[in-house]
Amino acid sequence: CVLISDELNHASMIEGIRRGGGPKRVWKHNDLAHLEEL
């Protein structure tokens, strides 16, 4: 599962995504165009 995370997400979300061990992507804060690109 790919976790797509806003770049300003809280440390608890970042830690949960990291511990999940799967692929991740980071999208520019609230940037809809970048989110769609990913």
ModelCIF file with pLDDT and N, C-alpha, C, O atoms, coordinates in Angstrom:
data_MODEL
#
_entry.id   MODEL 
#
_entity.id                         1 
_entity.type                       polymer 
_entity.pdbx_number_of_molecules   1 
#
_entity_poly.entity_id                      1 
_entity_poly.type                           'polypeptide(L)' 
_entity_poly.nstd_linkage                   no 
_entity_poly.nstd_monomer                   no 
_entity_poly.pdbx_seq_one_letter_code       CVLISDELNHASMIEGIRRGGGPKRVWKHNDLAHLEEL 
_entity_poly.pdbx_seq_one_letter_code_can   CVLISDELNHASMIEGIRRGGGPKRVWKHNDLAHLEEL 
_entity_poly.pdbx_strand_id                 A 
#
loop_
_entity_poly_seq.entity_id 
_entity_poly_seq.num 
_entity_poly_seq.mon_id 
_entity_poly_seq.hetero 
1 1  CYS n 
1 2  VAL n 
1 3  LEU n 
1 4  ILE n 
1 5  SER n 
1 6  ASP n 
1 7  GLU n 
1 8  LEU n 
1 9  ASN n 
1 10 HIS n 
1 11 ALA n 
1 12 SER n 
1 13 MET n 
1 14 ILE n 
1 15 GLU n 
1 16 GLY n 
1 17 ILE n 
1 18 ARG n 
1 19 ARG n 
1 20 GLY n 
1 21 GLY n 
1 22 GLY n 
1 23 PRO n 
1 24 LYS n 
1 25 ARG n 
1 26 VAL n 
1 27 TRP n 
1 28 LYS n 
1 29 HIS n 
1 30 ASN n 
1 31 ASP n 
1 32 LEU n 
1 33 ALA n 
1 34 HIS n 
1 35 LEU n 
1 36 GLU n 
1 37 GLU n 
1 38 LEU n 
#
_struct_asym.id          A 
_struct_asym.entity_id   1 
#
loop_
_ma_qa_metric.id 
_ma_qa_metric.mode 
_ma_qa_metric.name 
_ma_qa_metric.software_group_id 
_ma_qa_metric.type 
1 global pLDDT . pLDDT 
2 local  pLDDT . pLDDT 
#
_ma_qa_metric_global.metric_id      1 
_ma_qa_metric_global.metric_value   95.63 
_ma_qa_metric_global.model_id       1 
_ma_qa_metric_global.ordinal_id     1 
#
loop_
_ma_qa_metric_local.label_asym_id 
_ma_qa_metric_local.label_comp_id 
_ma_qa_metric_local.label_seq_id 
_ma_qa_metric_local.metric_id 
_ma_qa_metric_local.metric_value 
_ma_qa_metric_local.model_id 
_ma_qa_metric_local.ordinal_id 
A CYS 1  2 97.00 1 1  
A VAL 2  2 98.00 1 2  
A LEU 3  2 97.00 1 3  
A ILE 4  2 98.00 1 4  
A SER 5  2 97.00 1 5  
A ASP 6  2 97.00 1 6  
A GLU 7  2 95.00 1 7  
A LEU 8  2 92.00 1 8  
A ASN 9  2 93.00 1 9  
A HIS 10 2 93.00 1 10 
A ALA 11 2 91.00 1 11 
A SER 12 2 93.00 1 12 
A MET 13 2 94.00 1 13 
A ILE 14 2 93.00 1 14 
A GLU 15 2 94.00 1 15 
A GLY 16 2 93.00 1 16 
A ILE 17 2 94.00 1 17 
A ARG 18 2 94.00 1 18 
A ARG 19 2 93.00 1 19 
A GLY 20 2 93.00 1 20 
A GLY 21 2 93.00 1 21 
A GLY 22 2 93.00 1 22 
A PRO 23 2 97.00 1 23 
A LYS 24 2 97.00 1 24 
A ARG 25 2 98.00 1 25 
A VAL 26 2 98.00 1 26 
A TRP 27 2 97.00 1 27 
A LYS 28 2 97.00 1 28 
A HIS 29 2 96.00 1 29 
A ASN 30 2 96.00 1 30 
A ASP 31 2 97.00 1 31 
A LEU 32 2 98.00 1 32 
A ALA 33 2 98.00 1 33 
A HIS 34 2 98.00 1 34 
A LEU 35 2 98.00 1 35 
A GLU 36 2 98.00 1 36 
A GLU 37 2 98.00 1 37 
A LEU 38 2 98.00 1 38 
#
loop_
_atom_site.group_PDB 
_atom_site.id 
_atom_site.type_symbol 
_atom_site.label_atom_id 
_atom_site.label_alt_id 
_atom_site.label_comp_id 
_atom_site.label_asym_id 
_atom_site.label_entity_id 
_atom_site.label_seq_id 
_atom_site.pdbx_PDB_ins_code 
_atom_site.Cartn_x 
_atom_site.Cartn_y 
_atom_site.Cartn_z 
_atom_site.occupancy 
_atom_site.B_iso_or_equiv 
_atom_site.pdbx_formal_charge 
_atom_site.auth_seq_id 
_atom_site.auth_comp_id 
_atom_site.auth_asym_id 
_atom_site.auth_atom_id 
_atom_site.pdbx_PDB_model_num 
ATOM 1   N N  . CYS A 1 1  ? 0.839  -1.201 0.000   1.00 97.00 ? 1  CYS A N  1 
ATOM 2   C CA . CYS A 1 1  ? 0.000  0.000  0.000   1.00 97.00 ? 1  CYS A CA 1 
ATOM 3   C C  . CYS A 1 1  ? 0.878  1.256  0.000   1.00 97.00 ? 1  CYS A C  1 
ATOM 4   O O  . CYS A 1 1  ? 1.822  1.359  0.783   1.00 97.00 ? 1  CYS A O  1 
ATOM 5   N N  . VAL A 1 2  ? 0.561  2.207  -0.881  1.00 98.00 ? 2  VAL A N  1 
ATOM 6   C CA . VAL A 1 2  ? 1.297  3.465  -0.942  1.00 98.00 ? 2  VAL A CA 1 
ATOM 7   C C  . VAL A 1 2  ? 0.612  4.478  -0.023  1.00 98.00 ? 2  VAL A C  1 
ATOM 8   O O  . VAL A 1 2  ? -0.574 4.767  -0.184  1.00 98.00 ? 2  VAL A O  1 
ATOM 9   N N  . LEU A 1 3  ? 1.356  5.010  0.933   1.00 97.00 ? 3  LEU A N  1 
ATOM 10  C CA . LEU A 1 3  ? 0.845  6.065  1.803   1.00 97.00 ? 3  LEU A CA 1 
ATOM 11  C C  . LEU A 1 3  ? 1.266  7.413  1.225   1.00 97.00 ? 3  LEU A C  1 
ATOM 12  O O  . LEU A 1 3  ? 2.458  7.693  1.096   1.00 97.00 ? 3  LEU A O  1 
ATOM 13  N N  . ILE A 1 4  ? 0.288  8.241  0.880   1.00 98.00 ? 4  ILE A N  1 
ATOM 14  C CA . ILE A 1 4  ? 0.556  9.549  0.280   1.00 98.00 ? 4  ILE A CA 1 
ATOM 15  C C  . ILE A 1 4  ? 0.283  10.595 1.349   1.00 98.00 ? 4  ILE A C  1 
ATOM 16  O O  . ILE A 1 4  ? -0.862 10.815 1.745   1.00 98.00 ? 4  ILE A O  1 
ATOM 17  N N  . SER A 1 5  ? 1.354  11.235 1.809   1.00 97.00 ? 5  SER A N  1 
ATOM 18  C CA . SER A 1 5  ? 1.295  12.080 2.995   1.00 97.00 ? 5  SER A CA 1 
ATOM 19  C C  . SER A 1 5  ? 1.518  13.550 2.651   1.00 97.00 ? 5  SER A C  1 
ATOM 20  O O  . SER A 1 5  ? 2.449  13.883 1.919   1.00 97.00 ? 5  SER A O  1 
ATOM 21  N N  . ASP A 1 6  ? 0.666  14.428 3.177   1.00 97.00 ? 6  ASP A N  1 
ATOM 22  C CA . ASP A 1 6  ? 0.917  15.869 3.068   1.00 97.00 ? 6  ASP A CA 1 
ATOM 23  C C  . ASP A 1 6  ? 2.237  16.187 3.761   1.00 97.00 ? 6  ASP A C  1 
ATOM 24  O O  . ASP A 1 6  ? 2.546  15.610 4.804   1.00 97.00 ? 6  ASP A O  1 
ATOM 25  N N  . GLU A 1 7  ? 3.012  17.096 3.191   1.00 95.00 ? 7  GLU A N  1 
ATOM 26  C CA . GLU A 1 7  ? 4.360  17.367 3.706   1.00 95.00 ? 7  GLU A CA 1 
ATOM 27  C C  . GLU A 1 7  ? 4.360  17.982 5.102   1.00 95.00 ? 7  GLU A C  1 
ATOM 28  O O  . GLU A 1 7  ? 5.389  17.963 5.777   1.00 95.00 ? 7  GLU A O  1 
ATOM 29  N N  . LEU A 1 8  ? 3.228  18.528 5.551   1.00 92.00 ? 8  LEU A N  1 
ATOM 30  C CA . LEU A 1 8  ? 3.171  19.131 6.881   1.00 92.00 ? 8  LEU A CA 1 
ATOM 31  C C  . LEU A 1 8  ? 2.442  18.272 7.901   1.00 92.00 ? 8  LEU A C  1 
ATOM 32  O O  . LEU A 1 8  ? 2.056  18.758 8.965   1.00 92.00 ? 8  LEU A O  1 
ATOM 33  N N  . ASN A 1 9  ? 2.252  16.997 7.581   1.00 93.00 ? 9  ASN A N  1 
ATOM 34  C CA . ASN A 1 9  ? 1.545  16.127 8.520   1.00 93.00 ? 9  ASN A CA 1 
ATOM 35  C C  . ASN A 1 9  ? 2.263  16.025 9.865   1.00 93.00 ? 9  ASN A C  1 
ATOM 36  O O  . ASN A 1 9  ? 3.480  16.190 9.961   1.00 93.00 ? 9  ASN A O  1 
ATOM 37  N N  . HIS A 1 10 ? 1.473  15.751 10.888  1.00 93.00 ? 10 HIS A N  1 
ATOM 38  C CA . HIS A 1 10 ? 1.975  15.651 12.257  1.00 93.00 ? 10 HIS A CA 1 
ATOM 39  C C  . HIS A 1 10 ? 2.928  14.469 12.412  1.00 93.00 ? 10 HIS A C  1 
ATOM 40  O O  . HIS A 1 10 ? 2.861  13.493 11.664  1.00 93.00 ? 10 HIS A O  1 
ATOM 41  N N  . ALA A 1 11 ? 3.817  14.580 13.400  1.00 91.00 ? 11 ALA A N  1 
ATOM 42  C CA . ALA A 1 11 ? 4.818  13.530 13.654  1.00 91.00 ? 11 ALA A CA 1 
ATOM 43  C C  . ALA A 1 11 ? 4.182  12.161 13.869  1.00 91.00 ? 11 ALA A C  1 
ATOM 44  O O  . ALA A 1 11 ? 4.775  11.147 13.500  1.00 91.00 ? 11 ALA A O  1 
ATOM 45  N N  . SER A 1 12 ? 2.997  12.111 14.454  1.00 93.00 ? 12 SER A N  1 
ATOM 46  C CA . SER A 1 12 ? 2.336  10.826 14.706  1.00 93.00 ? 12 SER A CA 1 
ATOM 47  C C  . SER A 1 12 ? 1.933  10.136 13.411  1.00 93.00 ? 12 SER A C  1 
ATOM 48  O O  . SER A 1 12 ? 1.997  8.911  13.316  1.00 93.00 ? 12 SER A O  1 
ATOM 49  N N  . MET A 1 13 ? 1.523  10.908 12.418  1.00 94.00 ? 13 MET A N  1 
ATOM 50  C CA . MET A 1 13 ? 1.180  10.334 11.121  1.00 94.00 ? 13 MET A CA 1 
ATOM 51  C C  . MET A 1 13 ? 2.443  9.863  10.403  1.00 94.00 ? 13 MET A C  1 
ATOM 52  O O  . MET A 1 13 ? 2.472  8.787  9.806   1.00 94.00 ? 13 MET A O  1 
ATOM 53  N N  . ILE A 1 14 ? 3.478  10.686 10.472  1.00 93.00 ? 14 ILE A N  1 
ATOM 54  C CA . ILE A 1 14 ? 4.753  10.322 9.839   1.00 93.00 ? 14 ILE A CA 1 
ATOM 55  C C  . ILE A 1 14 ? 5.300  9.035  10.447  1.00 93.00 ? 14 ILE A C  1 
ATOM 56  O O  . ILE A 1 14 ? 5.792  8.166  9.727   1.00 93.00 ? 14 ILE A O  1 
ATOM 57  N N  . GLU A 1 15 ? 5.214  8.911  11.765  1.00 94.00 ? 15 GLU A N  1 
ATOM 58  C CA . GLU A 1 15 ? 5.713  7.703  12.432  1.00 94.00 ? 15 GLU A CA 1 
ATOM 59  C C  . GLU A 1 15 ? 4.889  6.477  12.051  1.00 94.00 ? 15 GLU A C  1 
ATOM 60  O O  . GLU A 1 15 ? 5.443  5.401  11.826  1.00 94.00 ? 15 GLU A O  1 
ATOM 61  N N  . GLY A 1 16 ? 3.571  6.634  11.978  1.00 93.00 ? 16 GLY A N  1 
ATOM 62  C CA . GLY A 1 16 ? 2.718  5.515  11.572  1.00 93.00 ? 16 GLY A CA 1 
ATOM 63  C C  . GLY A 1 16 ? 3.025  5.053  10.163  1.00 93.00 ? 16 GLY A C  1 
ATOM 64  O O  . GLY A 1 16 ? 3.064  3.852  9.893   1.00 93.00 ? 16 GLY A O  1 
ATOM 65  N N  . ILE A 1 17 ? 3.244  6.002  9.260   1.00 94.00 ? 17 ILE A N  1 
ATOM 66  C CA . ILE A 1 17 ? 3.581  5.671  7.871   1.00 94.00 ? 17 ILE A CA 1 
ATOM 67  C C  . ILE A 1 17 ? 4.940  4.974  7.820   1.00 94.00 ? 17 ILE A C  1 
ATOM 68  O O  . ILE A 1 17 ? 5.110  3.988  7.104   1.00 94.00 ? 17 ILE A O  1 
ATOM 69  N N  . ARG A 1 18 ? 5.905  5.490  8.582   1.00 94.00 ? 18 ARG A N  1 
ATOM 70  C CA . ARG A 1 18 ? 7.243  4.890  8.613   1.00 94.00 ? 18 ARG A CA 1 
ATOM 71  C C  . ARG A 1 18 ? 7.187  3.454  9.131   1.00 94.00 ? 18 ARG A C  1 
ATOM 72  O O  . ARG A 1 18 ? 7.806  2.556  8.560   1.00 94.00 ? 18 ARG A O  1 
ATOM 73  N N  . ARG A 1 19 ? 6.450  3.248  10.205  1.00 93.00 ? 19 ARG A N  1 
ATOM 74  C CA . ARG A 1 19 ? 6.391  1.908  10.796  1.00 93.00 ? 19 ARG A CA 1 
ATOM 75  C C  . ARG A 1 19 ? 5.605  0.926  9.933   1.00 93.00 ? 19 ARG A C  1 
ATOM 76  O O  . ARG A 1 19 ? 5.759  -0.288 10.063  1.00 93.00 ? 19 ARG A O  1 
ATOM 77  N N  . GLY A 1 20 ? 4.759  1.464  9.045   1.00 93.00 ? 20 GLY A N  1 
ATOM 78  C CA . GLY A 1 20 ? 4.034  0.575  8.136   1.00 93.00 ? 20 GLY A CA 1 
ATOM 79  C C  . GLY A 1 20 ? 4.959  -0.146 7.180   1.00 93.00 ? 20 GLY A C  1 
ATOM 80  O O  . GLY A 1 20 ? 4.649  -1.238 6.704   1.00 93.00 ? 20 GLY A O  1 
ATOM 81  N N  . GLY A 1 21 ? 6.106  0.474  6.898   1.00 93.00 ? 21 GLY A N  1 
ATOM 82  C CA . GLY A 1 21 ? 7.146  -0.187 6.109   1.00 93.00 ? 21 GLY A CA 1 
ATOM 83  C C  . GLY A 1 21 ? 6.912  -0.255 4.620   1.00 93.00 ? 21 GLY A C  1 
ATOM 84  O O  . GLY A 1 21 ? 7.714  -0.851 3.902   1.00 93.00 ? 21 GLY A O  1 
ATOM 85  N N  . GLY A 1 22 ? 5.842  0.336  4.133   1.00 93.00 ? 22 GLY A N  1 
ATOM 86  C CA . GLY A 1 22 ? 5.542  0.263  2.707   1.00 93.00 ? 22 GLY A CA 1 
ATOM 87  C C  . GLY A 1 22 ? 6.003  1.492  1.962   1.00 93.00 ? 22 GLY A C  1 
ATOM 88  O O  . GLY A 1 22 ? 6.605  2.390  2.550   1.00 93.00 ? 22 GLY A O  1 
ATOM 89  N N  . PRO A 1 23 ? 5.725  1.542  0.659   1.00 97.00 ? 23 PRO A N  1 
ATOM 90  C CA . PRO A 1 23 ? 6.107  2.714  -0.134  1.00 97.00 ? 23 PRO A CA 1 
ATOM 91  C C  . PRO A 1 23 ? 5.331  3.953  0.302   1.00 97.00 ? 23 PRO A C  1 
ATOM 92  O O  . PRO A 1 23 ? 4.196  3.853  0.768   1.00 97.00 ? 23 PRO A O  1 
ATOM 93  N N  . LYS A 1 24 ? 5.946  5.110  0.146   1.00 97.00 ? 24 LYS A N  1 
ATOM 94  C CA . LYS A 1 24 ? 5.263  6.354  0.511   1.00 97.00 ? 24 LYS A CA 1 
ATOM 95  C C  . LYS A 1 24 ? 5.593  7.440  -0.498  1.00 97.00 ? 24 LYS A C  1 
ATOM 96  O O  . LYS A 1 24 ? 6.614  7.386  -1.184  1.00 97.00 ? 24 LYS A O  1 
ATOM 97  N N  . ARG A 1 25 ? 4.725  8.411  -0.573  1.00 98.00 ? 25 ARG A N  1 
ATOM 98  C CA . ARG A 1 25 ? 4.936  9.606  -1.376  1.00 98.00 ? 25 ARG A CA 1 
ATOM 99  C C  . ARG A 1 25 ? 4.566  10.809 -0.505  1.00 98.00 ? 25 ARG A C  1 
ATOM 100 O O  . ARG A 1 25 ? 3.696  10.713 0.361   1.00 98.00 ? 25 ARG A O  1 
ATOM 101 N N  . VAL A 1 26 ? 5.231  11.935 -0.739  1.00 98.00 ? 26 VAL A N  1 
ATOM 102 C CA . VAL A 1 26 ? 4.941  13.160 0.012   1.00 98.00 ? 26 VAL A CA 1 
ATOM 103 C C  . VAL A 1 26 ? 4.482  14.230 -0.969  1.00 98.00 ? 26 VAL A C  1 
ATOM 104 O O  . VAL A 1 26 ? 5.179  14.535 -1.937  1.00 98.00 ? 26 VAL A O  1 
ATOM 105 N N  . TRP A 1 27 ? 3.312  14.796 -0.717  1.00 97.00 ? 27 TRP A N  1 
ATOM 106 C CA . TRP A 1 27 ? 2.804  15.828 -1.611  1.00 97.00 ? 27 TRP A CA 1 
ATOM 107 C C  . TRP A 1 27 ? 2.881  17.211 -0.972  1.00 97.00 ? 27 TRP A C  1 
ATOM 108 O O  . TRP A 1 27 ? 2.749  17.367 0.242   1.00 97.00 ? 27 TRP A O  1 
ATOM 109 N N  . LYS A 1 28 ? 3.097  18.203 -1.823  1.00 97.00 ? 28 LYS A N  1 
ATOM 110 C CA . LYS A 1 28 ? 3.228  19.578 -1.358  1.00 97.00 ? 28 LYS A CA 1 
ATOM 111 C C  . LYS A 1 28 ? 1.956  19.990 -0.623  1.00 97.00 ? 28 LYS A C  1 
ATOM 112 O O  . LYS A 1 28 ? 0.846  19.636 -1.021  1.00 97.00 ? 28 LYS A O  1 
ATOM 113 N N  . HIS A 1 29 ? 2.140  20.735 0.443   1.00 96.00 ? 29 HIS A N  1 
ATOM 114 C CA . HIS A 1 29 ? 1.046  21.041 1.362   1.00 96.00 ? 29 HIS A CA 1 
ATOM 115 C C  . HIS A 1 29 ? -0.186 21.603 0.654   1.00 96.00 ? 29 HIS A C  1 
ATOM 116 O O  . HIS A 1 29 ? -0.152 22.677 0.053   1.00 96.00 ? 29 HIS A O  1 
ATOM 117 N N  . ASN A 1 30 ? -1.279 20.834 0.749   1.00 96.00 ? 30 ASN A N  1 
ATOM 118 C CA . ASN A 1 30 ? -2.580 21.237 0.201   1.00 96.00 ? 30 ASN A CA 1 
ATOM 119 C C  . ASN A 1 30 ? -2.546 21.547 -1.296  1.00 96.00 ? 30 ASN A C  1 
ATOM 120 O O  . ASN A 1 30 ? -3.404 22.274 -1.797  1.00 96.00 ? 30 ASN A O  1 
ATOM 121 N N  . ASP A 1 31 ? -1.561 21.002 -2.009  1.00 97.00 ? 31 ASP A N  1 
ATOM 122 C CA . ASP A 1 31 ? -1.390 21.269 -3.437  1.00 97.00 ? 31 ASP A CA 1 
ATOM 123 C C  . ASP A 1 31 ? -2.108 20.178 -4.234  1.00 97.00 ? 31 ASP A C  1 
ATOM 124 O O  . ASP A 1 31 ? -1.600 19.067 -4.380  1.00 97.00 ? 31 ASP A O  1 
ATOM 125 N N  . LEU A 1 32 ? -3.283 20.505 -4.742  1.00 98.00 ? 32 LEU A N  1 
ATOM 126 C CA . LEU A 1 32 ? -4.106 19.503 -5.428  1.00 98.00 ? 32 LEU A CA 1 
ATOM 127 C C  . LEU A 1 32 ? -3.459 19.007 -6.715  1.00 98.00 ? 32 LEU A C  1 
ATOM 128 O O  . LEU A 1 32 ? -3.565 17.825 -7.043  1.00 98.00 ? 32 LEU A O  1 
ATOM 129 N N  . ALA A 1 33 ? -2.792 19.891 -7.443  1.00 98.00 ? 33 ALA A N  1 
ATOM 130 C CA . ALA A 1 33 ? -2.153 19.491 -8.701  1.00 98.00 ? 33 ALA A CA 1 
ATOM 131 C C  . ALA A 1 33 ? -1.040 18.476 -8.431  1.00 98.00 ? 33 ALA A C  1 
ATOM 132 O O  . ALA A 1 33 ? -0.911 17.487 -9.152  1.00 98.00 ? 33 ALA A O  1 
ATOM 133 N N  . HIS A 1 34 ? -0.248 18.720 -7.405  1.00 98.00 ? 34 HIS A N  1 
ATOM 134 C CA . HIS A 1 34 ? 0.832  17.780 -7.084  1.00 98.00 ? 34 HIS A CA 1 
ATOM 135 C C  . HIS A 1 34 ? 0.273  16.458 -6.583  1.00 98.00 ? 34 HIS A C  1 
ATOM 136 O O  . HIS A 1 34 ? 0.795  15.393 -6.913  1.00 98.00 ? 34 HIS A O  1 
ATOM 137 N N  . LEU A 1 35 ? -0.793 16.522 -5.782  1.00 98.00 ? 35 LEU A N  1 
ATOM 138 C CA . LEU A 1 35 ? -1.431 15.291 -5.313  1.00 98.00 ? 35 LEU A CA 1 
ATOM 139 C C  . LEU A 1 35 ? -1.912 14.460 -6.498  1.00 98.00 ? 35 LEU A C  1 
ATOM 140 O O  . LEU A 1 35 ? -1.699 13.248 -6.528  1.00 98.00 ? 35 LEU A O  1 
ATOM 141 N N  . GLU A 1 36 ? -2.555 15.091 -7.469  1.00 98.00 ? 36 GLU A N  1 
ATOM 142 C CA . GLU A 1 36 ? -3.049 14.341 -8.622  1.00 98.00 ? 36 GLU A CA 1 
ATOM 143 C C  . GLU A 1 36 ? -1.895 13.749 -9.426  1.00 98.00 ? 36 GLU A C  1 
ATOM 144 O O  . GLU A 1 36 ? -1.991 12.633 -9.936  1.00 98.00 ? 36 GLU A O  1 
ATOM 145 N N  . GLU A 1 37 ? -0.821 14.494 -9.531  1.00 98.00 ? 37 GLU A N  1 
ATOM 146 C CA . GLU A 1 37 ? 0.359  13.994 -10.243 1.00 98.00 ? 37 GLU A CA 1 
ATOM 147 C C  . GLU A 1 37 ? 0.877  12.703 -9.595  1.00 98.00 ? 37 GLU A C  1 
ATOM 148 O O  . GLU A 1 37 ? 1.220  11.746 -10.289 1.00 98.00 ? 37 GLU A O  1 
ATOM 149 N N  . LEU A 1 38 ? 0.927  12.690 -8.270  1.00 98.00 ? 38 LEU A N  1 
ATOM 150 C CA . LEU A 1 38 ? 1.396  11.494 -7.563  1.00 98.00 ? 38 LEU A CA 1 
ATOM 151 C C  . LEU A 1 38 ? 0.405  10.341 -7.719  1.00 98.00 ? 38 LEU A C  1 
ATOM 152 O O  . LEU A 1 38 ? 0.635  9.253  -7.191  1.00 98.00 ? 38 LEU A O  1 
#
